[in-house]
């Protein structure tokens, strides 16, 4: 079974593995609410991103904003950035950092 590993360090949630329909349910059971102390989510280790993975990122962003926090998506691979762009979610990509 494909899995995603997570690690929080210095207010950054690092994701490793595919953020796809097969892994999102498991990831949601492990992290139903993105911790408020997270101010960055790194997608550098995201080997794949589909619409289910994108929906999870939107959910986490919304949860943090509802609690008065902010989050930046950093180290965004080009394929993930393209998906965010065509989905009208380019605001999610931090201008300070993207993976090339």
C-alpha atoms as a PDB file:
ATOM      1  CA  UNK A   1       0.000   0.000   0.000  1.00  0.00           C
ATOM      2  CA  UNK A   2       1.204   3.478  -0.857  1.00  0.00           C
ATOM      3  CA  UNK A   3       1.622   5.841   2.074  1.00  0.00           C
ATOM      4  CA  UNK A   4       2.544   9.424   2.820  1.00  0.00           C
ATOM      5  CA  UNK A   5       4.903  10.266   5.649  1.00  0.00           C
ATOM      6  CA  UNK A   6       4.718  13.529   7.548  1.00  0.00           C
ATOM      7  CA  UNK A   7       7.156  15.376   9.731  1.00  0.00           C
ATOM      8  CA  UNK A   8       6.748  18.719  11.471  1.00  0.00           C
ATOM      9  CA  UNK A   9       9.906  20.716  12.120  1.00  0.00           C
ATOM     10  CA  UNK A  10      10.210  24.432  12.855  1.00  0.00           C
ATOM     11  CA  UNK A  11       6.538  25.105  12.018  1.00  0.00           C
ATOM     12  CA  UNK A  12       6.883  23.365   8.642  1.00  0.00           C
ATOM     13  CA  UNK A  13       4.858  20.288   7.751  1.00  0.00           C
ATOM     14  CA  UNK A  14       6.926  18.187   5.357  1.00  0.00           C
ATOM     15  CA  UNK A  15       5.032  15.724   3.193  1.00  0.00           C
ATOM     16  CA  UNK A  16       6.772  12.755   1.577  1.00  0.00           C
ATOM     17  CA  UNK A  17       5.036  10.522  -0.948  1.00  0.00           C
ATOM     18  CA  UNK A  18       2.049  10.712  -3.274  1.00  0.00           C
ATOM     19  CA  UNK A  19      -0.884  12.968  -2.315  1.00  0.00           C
ATOM     20  CA  UNK A  20      -3.431  11.001  -4.284  1.00  0.00           C
ATOM     21  CA  UNK A  21      -6.890   9.555  -3.758  1.00  0.00           C
ATOM     22  CA  UNK A  22      -5.396   6.305  -2.407  1.00  0.00           C
ATOM     23  CA  UNK A  23      -3.434   8.102   0.344  1.00  0.00           C
ATOM     24  CA  UNK A  24      -5.638  11.053   1.304  1.00  0.00           C
ATOM     25  CA  UNK A  25      -8.088   9.031   3.435  1.00  0.00           C
ATOM     26  CA  UNK A  26      -5.245   7.545   5.468  1.00  0.00           C
ATOM     27  CA  UNK A  27      -3.580  10.919   5.837  1.00  0.00           C
ATOM     28  CA  UNK A  28      -6.840  12.507   6.994  1.00  0.00           C
ATOM     29  CA  UNK A  29      -7.236   9.828   9.668  1.00  0.00           C
ATOM     30  CA  UNK A  30      -3.707  10.610  10.918  1.00  0.00           C
ATOM     31  CA  UNK A  31      -3.988  14.426  10.664  1.00  0.00           C
ATOM     32  CA  UNK A  32      -7.691  15.389  10.576  1.00  0.00           C
ATOM     33  CA  UNK A  33      -6.828  19.005  11.437  1.00  0.00           C
ATOM     34  CA  UNK A  34      -3.647  20.679  10.316  1.00  0.00           C
ATOM     35  CA  UNK A  35      -1.906  21.875  13.502  1.00  0.00           C
ATOM     36  CA  UNK A  36      -2.224  25.647  13.979  1.00  0.00           C
ATOM     37  CA  UNK A  37       1.498  25.990  14.650  1.00  0.00           C
ATOM     38  CA  UNK A  38       2.162  24.964  11.024  1.00  0.00           C
ATOM     39  CA  UNK A  39       2.932  28.063   8.966  1.00  0.00           C
ATOM     40  CA  UNK A  40       4.425  26.260   5.966  1.00  0.00           C
ATOM     41  CA  UNK A  41       3.604  23.046   4.163  1.00  0.00           C
ATOM     42  CA  UNK A  42       6.448  21.718   2.039  1.00  0.00           C
ATOM     43  CA  UNK A  43       5.509  19.761  -1.059  1.00  0.00           C
ATOM     44  CA  UNK A  44       9.101  19.012  -2.041  1.00  0.00           C
ATOM     45  CA  UNK A  45       8.634  15.320  -1.224  1.00  0.00           C
ATOM     46  CA  UNK A  46       5.209  15.034  -2.830  1.00  0.00           C
ATOM     47  CA  UNK A  47       5.887  12.606  -5.641  1.00  0.00           C
ATOM     48  CA  UNK A  48       2.359  13.007  -7.064  1.00  0.00           C
ATOM     49  CA  UNK A  49      -0.588  15.332  -6.543  1.00  0.00           C
ATOM     50  CA  UNK A  50      -4.100  14.715  -7.837  1.00  0.00           C
ATOM     51  CA  UNK A  51      -7.426  16.430  -7.185  1.00  0.00           C
ATOM     52  CA  UNK A  52      -7.912  14.531  -3.911  1.00  0.00           C
ATOM     53  CA  UNK A  53      -4.504  15.681  -2.672  1.00  0.00           C
ATOM     54  CA  UNK A  54      -5.260  19.217  -3.746  1.00  0.00           C
ATOM     55  CA  UNK A  55      -8.592  19.084  -1.898  1.00  0.00           C
ATOM     56  CA  UNK A  56      -6.719  18.008   1.255  1.00  0.00           C
ATOM     57  CA  UNK A  57      -4.367  20.992   0.956  1.00  0.00           C
ATOM     58  CA  UNK A  58      -7.340  23.337   0.495  1.00  0.00           C
ATOM     59  CA  UNK A  59      -8.989  21.805   3.586  1.00  0.00           C
ATOM     60  CA  UNK A  60      -5.873  22.286   5.705  1.00  0.00           C
ATOM     61  CA  UNK A  61      -5.462  25.866   4.462  1.00  0.00           C
ATOM     62  CA  UNK A  62      -9.092  26.589   5.343  1.00  0.00           C
ATOM     63  CA  UNK A  63      -8.771  25.049   8.819  1.00  0.00           C
ATOM     64  CA  UNK A  64      -5.726  27.154   9.628  1.00  0.00           C
ATOM     65  CA  UNK A  65      -7.365  30.358   8.327  1.00  0.00           C
ATOM     66  CA  UNK A  66     -10.527  29.659  10.371  1.00  0.00           C
ATOM     67  CA  UNK A  67      -8.333  29.567  13.480  1.00  0.00           C
ATOM     68  CA  UNK A  68      -6.735  32.897  12.587  1.00  0.00           C
ATOM     69  CA  UNK A  69      -3.504  31.493  11.226  1.00  0.00           C
ATOM     70  CA  UNK A  70      -1.817  31.588   7.852  1.00  0.00           C
ATOM     71  CA  UNK A  71      -0.053  28.923   5.851  1.00  0.00           C
ATOM     72  CA  UNK A  72       2.259  29.032   2.853  1.00  0.00           C
ATOM     73  CA  UNK A  73       2.799  26.134   0.478  1.00  0.00           C
ATOM     74  CA  UNK A  74       6.501  25.963  -0.278  1.00  0.00           C
ATOM     75  CA  UNK A  75       8.865  23.817  -2.322  1.00  0.00           C
ATOM     76  CA  UNK A  76       6.050  23.223  -4.791  1.00  0.00           C
ATOM     77  CA  UNK A  77       7.107  20.949  -7.669  1.00  0.00           C
ATOM     78  CA  UNK A  78       6.246  22.234 -11.167  1.00  0.00           C
ATOM     79  CA  UNK A  79       3.590  19.551 -11.784  1.00  0.00           C
ATOM     80  CA  UNK A  80       1.810  20.449  -8.526  1.00  0.00           C
ATOM     81  CA  UNK A  81       2.118  24.163  -9.307  1.00  0.00           C
ATOM     82  CA  UNK A  82       0.505  23.563 -12.708  1.00  0.00           C
ATOM     83  CA  UNK A  83      -2.408  21.692 -11.092  1.00  0.00           C
ATOM     84  CA  UNK A  84      -2.896  24.539  -8.613  1.00  0.00           C
ATOM     85  CA  UNK A  85      -2.756  27.068 -11.451  1.00  0.00           C
ATOM     86  CA  UNK A  86      -5.330  25.346 -13.677  1.00  0.00           C
ATOM     87  CA  UNK A  87      -7.558  24.841 -10.628  1.00  0.00           C
ATOM     88  CA  UNK A  88      -7.520  28.575  -9.909  1.00  0.00           C
ATOM     89  CA  UNK A  89      -5.580  28.052  -6.680  1.00  0.00           C
ATOM     90  CA  UNK A  90      -2.354  29.852  -7.588  1.00  0.00           C
ATOM     91  CA  UNK A  91      -2.749  31.934  -4.408  1.00  0.00           C
ATOM     92  CA  UNK A  92      -1.720  28.797  -2.507  1.00  0.00           C
ATOM     93  CA  UNK A  93       1.795  28.834  -3.968  1.00  0.00           C
ATOM     94  CA  UNK A  94       4.259  30.852  -1.925  1.00  0.00           C
ATOM     95  CA  UNK A  95       6.115  33.300  -4.131  1.00  0.00           C
ATOM     96  CA  UNK A  96       9.092  32.999  -1.804  1.00  0.00           C
ATOM     97  CA  UNK A  97       9.813  29.375  -2.570  1.00  0.00           C
ATOM     98  CA  UNK A  98       9.052  26.892  -5.297  1.00  0.00           C
ATOM     99  CA  UNK A  99      10.932  23.820  -6.413  1.00  0.00           C
ATOM    100  CA  UNK A 100      12.366  23.942  -9.928  1.00  0.00           C
END
